[in-house]
Amino acid sequence: MKPWRLSIDIGTSNTAAAHTNSATGVIEALRLTPTSNLMPSAVLVMDAHTIVAGTTAVNQAEARPHAFIPSPKLLLTRNAAATVMVDGHSISVTQLLSALVSSVLAIACARHADVPPRSVVLTHPQAWSAAQTRVLLDAAVAAGLDETVLSLMPEPEAAGRHYATAHSLPAGSRLGIFDFGGGTLDVSVLAMADDGTFTVVGAGGDADLGGRNFDARLHDWVHGAVDEELGSEAWESVDPLAQMRLIVDIRAAKEVLSEAPAAAVTVDTADRPLPLQITRPEFEDHIASLISRAVDLAHFIFSESGPVRTVYLTGGSSAIPLVQRSLSAVVSVATLDDPKLVIAEGALTTNDANTPSDTPTFEPTRPATQSKRRGAFIAVATAVVAVMVGAVMWWQHDDSAAPTAPDTSMLTSLATTESQVRAALPSPLNTALQSCARDKFTDYEALLFQCQLSSGDSLFDSLGWDGTSKATVGVDVSTTRREVAGAREGITLINGGVVTENSGRTATAVLYDDPLGWRVDYANATTGVLVELGGFSSRRDISTFLERSGLMN
């Protein structure tokens, strides 16, 4: 039996892994559940010493919704020092990620007669800091691996290496990586060196553009179809649990439309279930502007970094046919294998000469027996639990003045309709909002809306504001608690943001001096209200707006 190697790609929503076959040495995707090469990147805290991960976490989460963490990677991306409080216990993001690594290790070792891997590659976003990658390494060490067997690889480099296994790239050539995931778009340009290694020579992205935006556009189409078929009262009758099932149905339909000409969605109204069908052309009409935004960004980055030989598509959203057609109109496009597995498989193509030959000693943690419930049910459970978490979870930080968990219902802790969002907003701001449209879903499945504001409203009297910028609004307690804690600790600040707080210390507003004017990111940890708005002339104008709108009361 040959020594084998392992790679682990922890994503925001799903985790993938690859290993080398002990008999042949061939790189293969690792099956992480009985039916899939992917497992949810979720964990569930059972007690101070036990954390389960993946499908097991999702299956057991309904019994402990307050202990369910849907995305430890998201926590690490926001704050390298993040912790969560569960049943009075402070749990670090290192511990949460360690549970995911332990689960993958146990599954992988079972495929290799319990012989541990000779080396393990951990992938990470290109933009992560040394502190963030240190947490990832610490998580693997906590899972039982000796640090000498561990190595790190940026995700775009792993994608480039996977592409190079099937295509010849001469030294000096440049490869574009278009990584379009569920929540973000990351675009990179890699240069091939003489020794076959890659160097990142250009990178950029859009942290607010991904599959969740497409979900929101489909959600908008469904809303319109229900209104047309049954009237607006029918849409308002869809309860929160049915809304969560609808989100899962919409996401599944989106994926079906990448392969089929039409897909079905069912809405459970109070009167009766309403089956709907959307065609691929209809779907493409709804997302065309988002695709144009993605392509324009990619084209700009490729132009700034020099001509690229071809652009390699990775990430689940890159499977959408319109994405591929639109990019093909401006650059040469290549796809290879399952885009969700590309990074995990590519990470193992690295030169292994410097990895240890000695077999490390560790005891892999056996995952709990996994339920054989169908993936669709698991997806529903994940979304439903995320809603429950929105009502009861809070992020811990050192400030003793942290707001306590709000005594609010799930309906107002995580909003999925415009009426729910408006009900949570202060009256002056709600009155000024006009023509709201769905924007995207948050990581906890709350729906964000982009709204126009009436420049003639008294809210803006004598204020320096451009009159055209749109406000993004939503209600998501889990997200706002994270944002408030992060703002206070300086974790979420970029480009010199300035933090202000309300008198009750339940809300923060972060003010940024952007090229297009001053912008504010507001979060209220008690109400769950999120507001983003730009186009102001000065910090004083933002402060006046916050007071008049009732946001800082």
Protein backbone atom coordinates (compact mmCIF):
# COMPACT_ATOMS: atom_id res chain seq x y z
CA MET A 1 0.00 0.00 0.00
CA LYS A 2 1.41 3.37 -1.06
CA PRO A 3 1.47 6.34 1.32
CA TRP A 4 -1.52 8.51 0.55
CA ARG A 5 -2.23 12.24 0.61
CA LEU A 6 -5.31 14.25 1.50
CA SER A 7 -6.65 17.71 0.68
CA ILE A 8 -9.52 19.49 2.41
CA ASP A 9 -11.46 22.41 0.91
CA ILE A 10 -13.78 23.92 3.51
CA GLY A 11 -16.28 26.13 1.76
CA THR A 12 -18.85 28.53 3.12
CA SER A 13 -21.70 26.11 2.40
CA ASN A 14 -20.06 22.78 1.59
CA THR A 15 -16.80 20.95 2.24
CA ALA A 16 -14.99 18.84 -0.36
CA ALA A 17 -11.92 16.64 -0.09
CA ALA A 18 -9.65 14.60 -2.33
CA HIS A 19 -7.17 11.80 -1.69
CA THR A 20 -4.68 9.70 -3.58
CA ASN A 21 -5.58 6.09 -4.25
CA SER A 22 -3.31 3.86 -2.13
CA ALA A 23 -2.95 1.35 -4.95
CA THR A 24 -2.52 3.62 -7.97
CA GLY A 25 -1.63 7.03 -6.56
CA VAL A 26 -4.38 8.60 -8.68
CA ILE A 27 -6.10 11.68 -7.24
CA GLU A 28 -9.77 11.01 -6.51
CA ALA A 29 -12.61 12.96 -4.92
CA LEU A 30 -13.44 11.62 -1.47
CA ARG A 31 -17.04 10.59 -0.89
CA LEU A 32 -18.05 12.41 2.29
CA THR A 33 -21.64 11.17 2.61
CA PRO A 34 -23.35 8.00 1.37
CA THR A 35 -24.66 9.92 -1.65
CA SER A 36 -22.28 12.82 -2.31
CA ASN A 37 -18.68 14.00 -2.54
CA LEU A 38 -19.74 17.08 -0.59
CA MET A 39 -20.85 17.51 3.00
CA PRO A 40 -22.37 20.58 4.67
CA SER A 41 -19.77 22.89 6.24
CA ALA A 42 -21.94 23.02 9.34
CA VAL A 43 -21.21 21.99 12.91
CA LEU A 44 -23.29 21.37 16.04
CA VAL A 45 -21.97 21.93 19.55
CA MET A 46 -23.17 19.06 21.75
CA ASP A 47 -21.28 20.18 24.86
CA ALA A 48 -18.02 21.93 25.78
CA HIS A 49 -15.99 18.95 24.54
CA THR A 50 -18.07 17.46 21.72
CA ILE A 51 -18.78 19.02 18.33
CA VAL A 52 -20.27 17.05 15.43
CA ALA A 53 -19.97 18.14 11.81
CA GLY A 54 -21.45 17.83 8.34
CA THR A 55 -24.58 15.80 7.74
CA THR A 56 -24.56 14.60 11.34
CA ALA A 57 -24.75 18.20 12.54
CA VAL A 58 -27.65 18.97 10.22
CA ASN A 59 -29.57 15.83 11.18
CA GLN A 60 -29.31 16.57 14.91
CA ALA A 61 -29.70 20.33 14.71
CA GLU A 62 -33.47 20.37 15.10
CA ALA A 63 -33.03 19.18 18.69
CA ARG A 64 -30.36 21.84 19.46
CA PRO A 65 -30.94 24.78 17.12
CA HIS A 66 -29.16 27.21 19.44
CA ALA A 67 -25.97 25.14 19.09
CA PHE A 68 -26.00 24.89 15.28
CA ILE A 69 -23.31 26.83 13.38
CA PRO A 70 -24.06 26.76 9.63
CA SER A 71 -20.69 28.13 8.48
CA PRO A 72 -17.56 28.20 10.67
CA LYS A 73 -15.60 29.38 7.62
CA LEU A 74 -17.76 32.47 7.48
CA LEU A 75 -16.93 33.21 11.11
CA LEU A 76 -13.22 32.90 10.38
CA THR A 77 -13.51 35.11 7.30
CA ARG A 78 -15.14 37.82 9.42
CA ASN A 79 -13.03 37.45 12.56
CA ALA A 80 -9.96 35.28 13.19
CA ALA A 81 -10.64 35.47 16.92
CA ALA A 82 -14.34 34.63 16.69
CA THR A 83 -16.04 32.61 19.40
CA VAL A 84 -19.61 31.46 19.93
CA MET A 85 -21.41 31.03 23.24
CA VAL A 86 -23.38 27.79 23.61
CA ASP A 87 -24.94 26.69 26.90
CA GLY A 88 -22.58 28.99 28.79
CA HIS A 89 -19.49 27.60 27.04
CA SER A 90 -17.21 29.76 24.89
CA ILE A 91 -16.30 27.82 21.73
CA SER A 92 -13.57 29.15 19.43
CA VAL A 93 -13.71 29.08 15.65
CA THR A 94 -10.62 26.86 15.83
CA GLN A 95 -12.65 24.24 17.68
CA LEU A 96 -15.51 24.51 15.18
CA LEU A 97 -13.22 24.05 12.17
CA SER A 98 -11.39 21.24 13.94
CA ALA A 99 -14.64 19.28 14.05
CA LEU A 100 -14.95 19.56 10.26
CA VAL A 101 -11.34 18.51 9.73
CA SER A 102 -11.76 15.60 12.16
CA SER A 103 -14.84 14.37 10.32
CA VAL A 104 -13.10 14.44 6.94
CA LEU A 105 -10.00 12.75 8.38
CA ALA A 106 -12.03 9.94 9.90
CA ILE A 107 -13.84 9.28 6.63
CA ALA A 108 -10.59 9.39 4.65
CA CYS A 109 -8.69 7.13 7.06
CA ALA A 110 -11.49 4.58 6.91
CA ARG A 111 -10.84 4.35 3.16
CA HIS A 112 -7.17 3.59 3.87
CA ALA A 113 -7.41 0.88 6.55
CA ASP A 114 -6.99 3.52 9.29
CA VAL A 115 -3.54 4.48 8.01
CA PRO A 116 -3.22 8.28 8.37
CA PRO A 117 -2.22 10.46 5.41
CA ARG A 118 1.42 11.25 4.70
CA SER A 119 0.50 14.88 4.01
CA VAL A 120 -2.56 17.11 4.16
CA VAL A 121 -3.18 20.26 2.08
CA LEU A 122 -5.64 22.84 3.43
CA THR A 123 -7.03 25.33 0.92
CA HIS A 124 -8.05 28.88 1.78
CA PRO A 125 -9.19 32.13 0.09
CA GLN A 126 -6.43 34.17 -1.53
CA ALA A 127 -7.31 37.19 0.62
CA TRP A 128 -6.99 35.48 4.00
CA SER A 129 -4.45 36.95 6.40
CA ALA A 130 -1.70 35.10 8.24
CA ALA A 131 -3.88 35.13 11.36
CA GLN A 132 -6.72 33.43 9.51
CA THR A 133 -4.56 30.72 7.94
CA ARG A 134 -2.97 30.18 11.37
CA VAL A 135 -6.43 29.35 12.74
CA LEU A 136 -6.91 26.84 9.93
CA LEU A 137 -3.61 25.14 10.76
CA ASP A 138 -4.42 25.13 14.47
CA ALA A 139 -7.75 23.48 13.70
CA ALA A 140 -6.00 20.67 11.84
CA VAL A 141 -3.51 20.22 14.68
CA ALA A 142 -6.40 20.09 17.15
CA ALA A 143 -7.91 17.37 14.97
CA GLY A 144 -4.84 15.23 15.65
CA LEU A 145 -2.41 16.01 12.84
CA ASP A 146 1.21 16.95 13.36
CA GLU A 147 1.87 20.37 11.87
CA THR A 148 4.84 18.98 9.93
CA VAL A 149 2.47 17.11 7.60
CA LEU A 150 0.33 20.18 6.90
CA SER A 151 0.59 22.70 4.09
CA LEU A 152 -1.58 25.56 2.87
CA MET A 153 -2.64 26.47 -0.66
CA PRO A 154 -4.65 29.46 -1.91
CA GLU A 155 -7.81 28.38 -3.69
CA PRO A 156 -6.98 29.99 -7.07
CA GLU A 157 -3.61 28.23 -7.16
CA ALA A 158 -5.31 24.89 -6.51
CA ALA A 159 -7.74 25.59 -9.34
CA GLY A 160 -4.86 26.49 -11.66
CA ARG A 161 -3.00 23.29 -10.84
CA HIS A 162 -6.09 21.24 -11.58
CA TYR A 163 -6.44 22.93 -14.96
CA ALA A 164 -2.77 22.26 -15.75
CA THR A 165 -3.26 18.51 -15.28
CA ALA A 166 -5.33 18.41 -18.46
CA HIS A 167 -3.94 21.33 -20.47
CA SER A 168 -0.44 22.28 -21.50
CA LEU A 169 0.58 25.71 -20.25
CA PRO A 170 3.88 27.14 -21.50
CA ALA A 171 6.06 29.11 -19.10
CA GLY A 172 5.01 32.73 -18.93
CA SER A 173 1.41 32.09 -19.92
CA ARG A 174 -1.41 33.49 -17.83
CA LEU A 175 -4.53 31.68 -16.68
CA GLY A 176 -7.66 33.38 -15.42
CA ILE A 177 -9.63 31.80 -12.58
CA PHE A 178 -13.33 32.69 -12.36
CA ASP A 179 -14.55 31.27 -9.03
CA PHE A 180 -18.28 31.94 -8.81
CA GLY A 181 -19.72 30.49 -5.60
CA GLY A 182 -22.89 30.76 -3.59
CA GLY A 183 -22.05 34.03 -1.92
CA THR A 184 -19.07 35.62 -3.65
CA LEU A 185 -17.24 36.03 -6.93
CA ASP A 186 -13.45 35.73 -6.85
CA VAL A 187 -11.42 36.43 -9.98
CA SER A 188 -7.67 35.77 -10.18
CA VAL A 189 -4.92 35.78 -12.79
CA LEU A 190 -2.12 33.22 -12.42
CA ALA A 191 1.24 33.33 -14.17
CA MET A 192 3.00 30.04 -14.97
CA ALA A 193 6.69 30.02 -13.98
CA ASP A 194 9.44 27.97 -15.65
CA ASP A 195 9.28 25.36 -12.88
CA GLY A 196 5.54 24.83 -13.35
CA THR A 197 4.45 26.79 -10.29
CA PHE A 198 1.85 29.55 -10.30
CA THR A 199 2.07 33.11 -9.05
CA VAL A 200 -1.01 35.28 -8.51
CA VAL A 201 -0.47 38.45 -10.56
CA GLY A 202 -3.98 39.85 -10.37
CA ALA A 203 -7.00 39.38 -8.16
CA GLY A 204 -10.32 40.97 -7.32
CA GLY A 205 -13.86 40.06 -6.57
CA ASP A 206 -17.33 40.96 -5.46
CA ALA A 207 -18.27 39.88 -1.94
CA ASP A 208 -21.92 40.66 -2.66
CA LEU A 209 -22.42 38.65 -5.83
CA GLY A 210 -23.07 34.93 -6.03
CA GLY A 211 -25.67 32.21 -6.18
CA ARG A 212 -27.70 33.80 -3.40
CA ASN A 213 -28.38 36.78 -5.67
CA PHE A 214 -29.77 34.40 -8.29
CA ASP A 215 -31.93 32.78 -5.60
CA ALA A 216 -33.35 36.20 -4.76
CA ARG A 217 -34.22 36.88 -8.41
CA LEU A 218 -36.01 33.52 -8.61
CA HIS A 219 -37.78 34.34 -5.36
CA ASP A 220 -38.98 37.58 -6.96
CA TRP A 221 -40.33 35.64 -9.96
CA VAL A 222 -42.17 33.21 -7.67
CA HIS A 223 -43.72 36.10 -5.72
CA GLY A 224 -45.00 37.64 -8.93
CA ALA A 225 -46.38 34.32 -10.15
CA VAL A 226 -48.26 33.77 -6.88
CA ASP A 227 -49.73 37.28 -7.01
CA GLU A 228 -50.86 36.75 -10.59
CA GLU A 229 -52.39 33.34 -9.89
CA LEU A 230 -53.93 33.79 -6.44
CA GLY A 231 -53.64 37.46 -5.48
CA SER A 232 -51.31 39.28 -3.09
CA GLU A 233 -53.09 37.91 -0.01
CA ALA A 234 -51.91 34.41 -0.88
CA TRP A 235 -48.25 35.41 -0.72
CA GLU A 236 -48.69 37.01 2.70
CA SER A 237 -50.27 33.75 3.91
CA VAL A 238 -47.08 31.74 3.31
CA ASP A 239 -45.77 31.03 6.83
CA PRO A 240 -42.05 31.20 7.77
CA LEU A 241 -41.53 27.44 7.62
CA ALA A 242 -43.09 27.29 4.15
CA GLN A 243 -40.90 30.22 3.12
CA MET A 244 -37.83 28.23 4.13
CA ARG A 245 -39.00 25.21 2.16
CA LEU A 246 -39.55 27.54 -0.78
CA ILE A 247 -35.98 28.84 -0.55
CA VAL A 248 -34.69 25.27 -0.73
CA ASP A 249 -37.04 24.54 -3.65
CA ILE A 250 -35.80 27.65 -5.46
CA ARG A 251 -32.17 26.69 -4.96
CA ALA A 252 -32.83 23.21 -6.32
CA ALA A 253 -34.67 24.66 -9.32
CA LYS A 254 -31.72 26.94 -10.06
CA GLU A 255 -29.40 23.93 -10.20
CA VAL A 256 -31.84 21.96 -12.35
CA LEU A 257 -31.95 24.82 -14.86
CA SER A 258 -28.22 24.38 -15.49
CA GLU A 259 -29.02 20.98 -16.99
CA ALA A 260 -32.68 21.10 -18.05
CA PRO A 261 -34.86 23.54 -20.04
CA ALA A 262 -37.36 23.98 -17.20
CA ALA A 263 -37.75 23.43 -13.46
CA ALA A 264 -40.64 23.21 -10.99
CA VAL A 265 -41.23 25.11 -7.75
CA THR A 266 -44.12 24.62 -5.31
CA VAL A 267 -45.41 27.34 -2.99
CA ASP A 268 -47.40 26.22 0.07
CA THR A 269 -49.97 28.98 0.51
CA ALA A 270 -52.60 28.89 3.24
CA ASP A 271 -55.27 27.87 0.71
CA ARG A 272 -53.41 25.26 -1.30
CA PRO A 273 -50.02 24.28 -2.72
CA LEU A 274 -49.34 26.17 -5.95
CA PRO A 275 -47.07 24.37 -8.45
CA LEU A 276 -45.11 26.66 -10.77
CA GLN A 277 -42.75 26.07 -13.66
CA ILE A 278 -39.97 28.37 -14.85
CA THR A 279 -38.05 27.92 -18.08
CA ARG A 280 -34.35 28.51 -18.56
CA PRO A 281 -34.92 31.58 -20.81
CA GLU A 282 -37.18 33.11 -18.13
CA PHE A 283 -34.56 32.47 -15.47
CA GLU A 284 -31.82 33.95 -17.65
CA ASP A 285 -33.88 37.10 -18.21
CA HIS A 286 -34.09 37.58 -14.45
CA ILE A 287 -30.37 37.12 -13.78
CA ALA A 288 -28.93 38.74 -16.92
CA SER A 289 -27.96 41.99 -15.19
CA LEU A 290 -26.15 40.09 -12.43
CA ILE A 291 -24.22 38.04 -14.98
CA SER A 292 -23.25 41.22 -16.82
CA ARG A 293 -21.94 42.63 -13.55
CA ALA A 294 -19.81 39.53 -13.00
CA VAL A 295 -18.48 39.49 -16.55
CA ASP A 296 -17.65 43.20 -16.47
CA LEU A 297 -15.64 42.73 -13.28
CA ALA A 298 -13.78 39.74 -14.69
CA HIS A 299 -13.02 41.53 -17.94
CA PHE A 300 -11.62 44.51 -16.03
CA ILE A 301 -9.33 42.33 -13.89
CA PHE A 302 -8.11 40.36 -16.90
CA SER A 303 -7.43 43.57 -18.81
CA GLU A 304 -5.51 45.11 -15.91
CA SER A 305 -3.37 42.00 -15.38
CA GLY A 306 -2.45 41.44 -19.00
CA PRO A 307 -3.90 39.05 -21.57
CA VAL A 308 -4.91 35.61 -20.28
CA ARG A 309 -4.59 32.42 -22.29
CA THR A 310 -7.96 31.15 -21.09
CA VAL A 311 -10.32 31.47 -18.13
CA TYR A 312 -11.03 28.44 -15.98
CA LEU A 313 -14.47 28.31 -14.37
CA THR A 314 -14.89 26.99 -10.83
CA GLY A 315 -17.58 27.23 -8.17
CA GLY A 316 -21.19 26.08 -8.34
CA SER A 317 -22.58 29.24 -9.97
CA SER A 318 -20.17 28.92 -12.89
CA ALA A 319 -22.23 25.92 -14.06
CA ILE A 320 -25.06 28.25 -15.14
CA PRO A 321 -25.09 28.21 -18.97
CA LEU A 322 -25.57 31.98 -19.26
CA VAL A 323 -22.41 32.54 -17.21
CA GLN A 324 -20.42 30.38 -19.60
CA ARG A 325 -21.93 31.96 -22.73
CA SER A 326 -21.45 35.51 -21.47
CA LEU A 327 -17.81 34.97 -20.52
CA SER A 328 -17.13 33.15 -23.79
CA ALA A 329 -18.11 36.31 -25.64
CA VAL A 330 -15.10 38.17 -24.22
CA VAL A 331 -12.49 35.50 -23.35
CA SER A 332 -11.64 31.88 -24.04
CA VAL A 333 -13.41 29.74 -21.42
CA ALA A 334 -12.57 26.27 -20.12
CA THR A 335 -14.41 23.91 -17.79
CA LEU A 336 -13.16 20.64 -16.36
CA ASP A 337 -14.91 18.13 -14.10
CA ASP A 338 -17.27 19.12 -11.28
CA PRO A 339 -16.60 22.81 -10.48
CA LYS A 340 -17.32 22.16 -6.79
CA LEU A 341 -14.47 19.62 -6.57
CA VAL A 342 -11.84 21.43 -8.62
CA ILE A 343 -10.05 23.09 -5.70
CA ALA A 344 -9.85 19.95 -3.56
CA GLU A 345 -8.50 17.87 -6.43
CA GLY A 346 -6.14 20.58 -7.66
CA ALA A 347 -4.58 20.98 -4.23
CA LEU A 348 -3.07 17.49 -4.50
CA THR A 349 -1.25 18.15 -7.76
CA THR A 350 1.39 20.15 -5.88
CA ASN A 351 4.96 18.86 -5.77
CA ASP A 352 5.13 16.45 -2.85
CA ALA A 353 8.91 16.36 -2.60
CA ASN A 354 9.02 18.49 0.52
CA THR A 355 6.33 16.67 2.46
CA PRO A 356 7.37 14.28 5.22
CA SER A 357 7.78 10.62 4.35
CA ASP A 358 7.23 9.43 7.93
CA THR A 359 3.72 8.44 8.86
CA PRO A 360 2.33 10.72 11.60
CA THR A 361 0.59 9.29 14.61
CA PHE A 362 -2.90 10.40 15.53
CA GLU A 363 -6.27 9.01 16.43
CA PRO A 364 -8.94 10.13 13.96
CA THR A 365 -12.29 10.90 15.52
CA ARG A 366 -14.99 8.63 14.18
CA PRO A 367 -17.99 10.51 12.86
CA ALA A 368 -21.37 9.64 14.27
CA THR A 369 -23.50 7.29 12.18
CA GLN A 370 -24.97 9.32 9.38
CA SER A 371 -28.66 9.30 8.62
CA LYS A 372 -29.75 8.05 5.23
CA ARG A 373 -32.39 10.73 4.85
CA ARG A 374 -32.44 12.20 1.40
CA GLY A 375 -30.34 15.22 0.56
CA ALA A 376 -33.38 17.35 -0.14
CA PHE A 377 -34.61 16.86 3.42
CA ILE A 378 -31.16 17.70 4.76
CA ALA A 379 -31.17 20.91 2.74
CA VAL A 380 -34.60 21.83 4.13
CA ALA A 381 -33.40 21.08 7.66
CA THR A 382 -30.34 23.27 7.18
CA ALA A 383 -32.43 26.22 6.03
CA VAL A 384 -35.07 25.77 8.72
CA VAL A 385 -32.47 25.43 11.46
CA ALA A 386 -30.79 28.59 10.17
CA VAL A 387 -34.03 30.44 10.78
CA MET A 388 -34.26 29.06 14.31
CA VAL A 389 -30.64 30.02 14.93
CA GLY A 390 -31.50 33.54 13.83
CA ALA A 391 -33.74 33.85 16.87
CA VAL A 392 -31.45 32.44 19.54
CA MET A 393 -27.73 32.57 18.62
CA TRP A 394 -25.33 35.34 19.54
CA TRP A 395 -21.63 35.89 19.00
CA GLN A 396 -19.45 36.40 22.07
CA HIS A 397 -16.92 39.18 22.47
CA ASP A 398 -15.09 40.72 25.41
CA ASP A 399 -17.31 43.78 25.81
CA SER A 400 -19.43 43.33 28.93
CA ALA A 401 -22.01 45.69 27.47
CA ALA A 402 -22.89 43.22 24.73
CA PRO A 403 -26.64 43.12 24.09
CA THR A 404 -28.48 40.11 25.42
CA ALA A 405 -30.46 37.76 23.21
CA PRO A 406 -33.62 39.55 22.08
CA ASP A 407 -37.04 38.29 23.08
CA THR A 408 -38.41 38.34 19.56
CA SER A 409 -40.15 35.81 17.36
CA MET A 410 -38.53 34.01 14.46
CA LEU A 411 -40.70 36.10 12.18
CA THR A 412 -38.91 39.33 13.14
CA SER A 413 -35.50 37.80 13.87
CA LEU A 414 -35.04 36.73 10.27
CA ALA A 415 -37.17 38.28 7.53
CA THR A 416 -37.96 36.73 4.17
CA THR A 417 -40.60 39.21 2.94
CA GLU A 418 -40.62 42.95 2.32
CA SER A 419 -43.47 43.45 4.77
CA GLN A 420 -41.47 41.77 7.55
CA VAL A 421 -38.50 44.02 6.84
CA ARG A 422 -40.59 47.17 6.75
CA ALA A 423 -42.29 46.24 10.04
CA ALA A 424 -38.90 46.16 11.76
CA LEU A 425 -37.64 49.49 10.39
CA PRO A 426 -38.07 52.81 12.20
CA SER A 427 -41.06 54.67 10.79
CA PRO A 428 -39.12 57.60 9.24
CA LEU A 429 -36.90 55.25 7.24
CA ASN A 430 -39.76 52.95 6.25
CA THR A 431 -41.73 55.91 4.90
CA ALA A 432 -38.81 57.07 2.75
CA LEU A 433 -38.26 53.66 1.11
CA GLN A 434 -39.68 53.16 -2.39
CA SER A 435 -39.61 50.48 -5.09
CA CYS A 436 -37.88 47.71 -3.15
CA ALA A 437 -36.50 44.72 -5.05
CA ARG A 438 -35.00 41.48 -3.79
CA ASP A 439 -31.20 41.60 -3.69
CA LYS A 440 -29.83 38.36 -2.18
CA PHE A 441 -30.04 35.99 0.78
CA THR A 442 -27.78 36.26 3.80
CA ASP A 443 -25.86 33.28 5.14
CA TYR A 444 -28.78 32.58 7.47
CA GLU A 445 -31.34 32.76 4.65
CA ALA A 446 -32.75 36.20 5.42
CA LEU A 447 -33.75 38.10 2.30
CA LEU A 448 -32.11 41.48 1.66
CA PHE A 449 -33.86 44.16 -0.40
CA GLN A 450 -32.51 47.08 -2.42
CA CYS A 451 -34.77 50.10 -2.21
CA GLN A 452 -34.88 53.55 -3.72
CA LEU A 453 -35.22 56.49 -1.35
CA SER A 454 -37.31 59.59 -1.91
CA SER A 455 -34.84 62.47 -2.11
CA GLY A 456 -37.72 64.85 -1.39
CA ASP A 457 -38.47 63.20 1.94
CA SER A 458 -37.85 65.32 5.04
CA LEU A 459 -35.25 62.74 6.01
CA PHE A 460 -32.88 64.35 3.51
CA ASP A 461 -33.69 68.05 4.01
CA SER A 462 -30.47 70.09 3.74
CA LEU A 463 -28.38 66.91 3.65
CA GLY A 464 -25.51 66.30 1.27
CA TRP A 465 -26.73 63.15 -0.48
CA ASP A 466 -26.59 62.21 -4.17
CA GLY A 467 -30.31 61.33 -4.32
CA THR A 468 -29.73 58.20 -6.39
CA SER A 469 -27.93 55.65 -4.20
CA LYS A 470 -30.08 52.69 -3.18
CA ALA A 471 -30.39 51.38 0.36
CA THR A 472 -29.92 47.69 1.14
CA VAL A 473 -32.16 46.64 4.04
CA GLY A 474 -32.95 43.40 5.83
CA VAL A 475 -33.59 41.72 9.16
CA ASP A 476 -31.21 39.01 10.39
CA VAL A 477 -30.33 38.89 14.10
CA SER A 478 -27.47 36.41 13.72
CA THR A 479 -25.76 38.58 11.12
CA THR A 480 -26.26 41.83 13.04
CA ARG A 481 -24.88 40.37 16.27
CA ARG A 482 -21.79 39.29 14.37
CA GLU A 483 -21.47 42.70 12.71
CA VAL A 484 -21.88 44.64 15.96
CA ALA A 485 -19.27 42.53 17.74
CA GLY A 486 -16.92 42.73 14.77
CA ALA A 487 -17.26 46.50 14.46
CA ARG A 488 -16.48 47.05 18.13
CA GLU A 489 -13.40 44.85 17.93
CA GLY A 490 -12.25 46.44 14.67
CA ILE A 491 -12.45 43.09 12.87
CA THR A 492 -14.93 44.11 10.18
CA LEU A 493 -13.41 47.53 9.49
CA ILE A 494 -11.84 48.16 6.09
CA ASN A 495 -10.30 51.24 4.52
CA GLY A 496 -10.34 53.26 7.73
CA GLY A 497 -13.97 52.86 8.72
CA VAL A 498 -15.17 54.89 11.71
CA VAL A 499 -17.50 53.24 14.26
CA THR A 500 -20.33 54.97 16.12
CA GLU A 501 -22.85 53.41 18.52
CA ASN A 502 -26.31 54.26 19.81
CA SER A 503 -26.81 55.22 23.45
CA GLY A 504 -28.01 51.75 24.41
CA ARG A 505 -24.98 50.12 22.76
CA THR A 506 -27.25 47.77 20.83
CA ALA A 507 -26.38 49.10 17.37
CA THR A 508 -23.30 50.18 15.44
CA ALA A 509 -22.85 52.28 12.33
CA VAL A 510 -19.58 52.03 10.42
CA LEU A 511 -18.83 55.06 8.23
CA TYR A 512 -16.57 54.79 5.19
CA ASP A 513 -15.14 57.45 2.89
CA ASP A 514 -15.56 55.73 -0.49
CA PRO A 515 -14.60 57.19 -3.89
CA LEU A 516 -18.29 57.74 -4.68
CA GLY A 517 -19.07 59.39 -1.35
CA TRP A 518 -19.46 58.52 2.29
CA ARG A 519 -21.20 55.22 3.04
CA VAL A 520 -22.72 53.72 6.20
CA ASP A 521 -23.10 50.07 7.23
CA TYR A 522 -25.62 49.85 10.08
CA ALA A 523 -26.44 46.82 12.25
CA ASN A 524 -28.77 46.48 15.25
CA ALA A 525 -28.08 43.42 17.40
CA THR A 526 -31.51 43.57 19.08
CA THR A 527 -33.89 44.16 16.17
CA GLY A 528 -31.75 42.46 13.53
CA VAL A 529 -32.09 45.46 11.20
CA LEU A 530 -29.35 45.83 8.57
CA VAL A 531 -28.99 49.00 6.47
CA GLU A 532 -26.34 49.94 3.91
CA LEU A 533 -26.46 53.29 2.12
CA GLY A 534 -23.91 55.44 0.29
CA GLY A 535 -23.74 58.70 -1.60
CA PHE A 536 -23.33 61.08 1.36
CA SER A 537 -21.10 64.15 1.20
CA SER A 538 -19.67 63.92 4.71
CA ARG A 539 -19.65 62.07 8.01
CA ARG A 540 -21.87 64.77 9.49
CA ASP A 541 -24.50 64.12 6.80
CA ILE A 542 -24.53 60.42 7.71
CA SER A 543 -24.82 61.20 11.42
CA THR A 544 -27.80 63.46 10.74
CA PHE A 545 -29.42 60.79 8.57
CA LEU A 546 -28.98 58.15 11.28
CA GLU A 547 -30.62 60.40 13.89
CA ARG A 548 -33.53 61.48 11.67
CA SER A 549 -34.23 57.95 10.46
CA GLY A 550 -34.52 56.61 14.00
CA LEU A 551 -31.76 54.06 13.49
CA MET A 552 -29.58 55.33 16.33
CA ASN A 553 -32.35 55.82 18.91
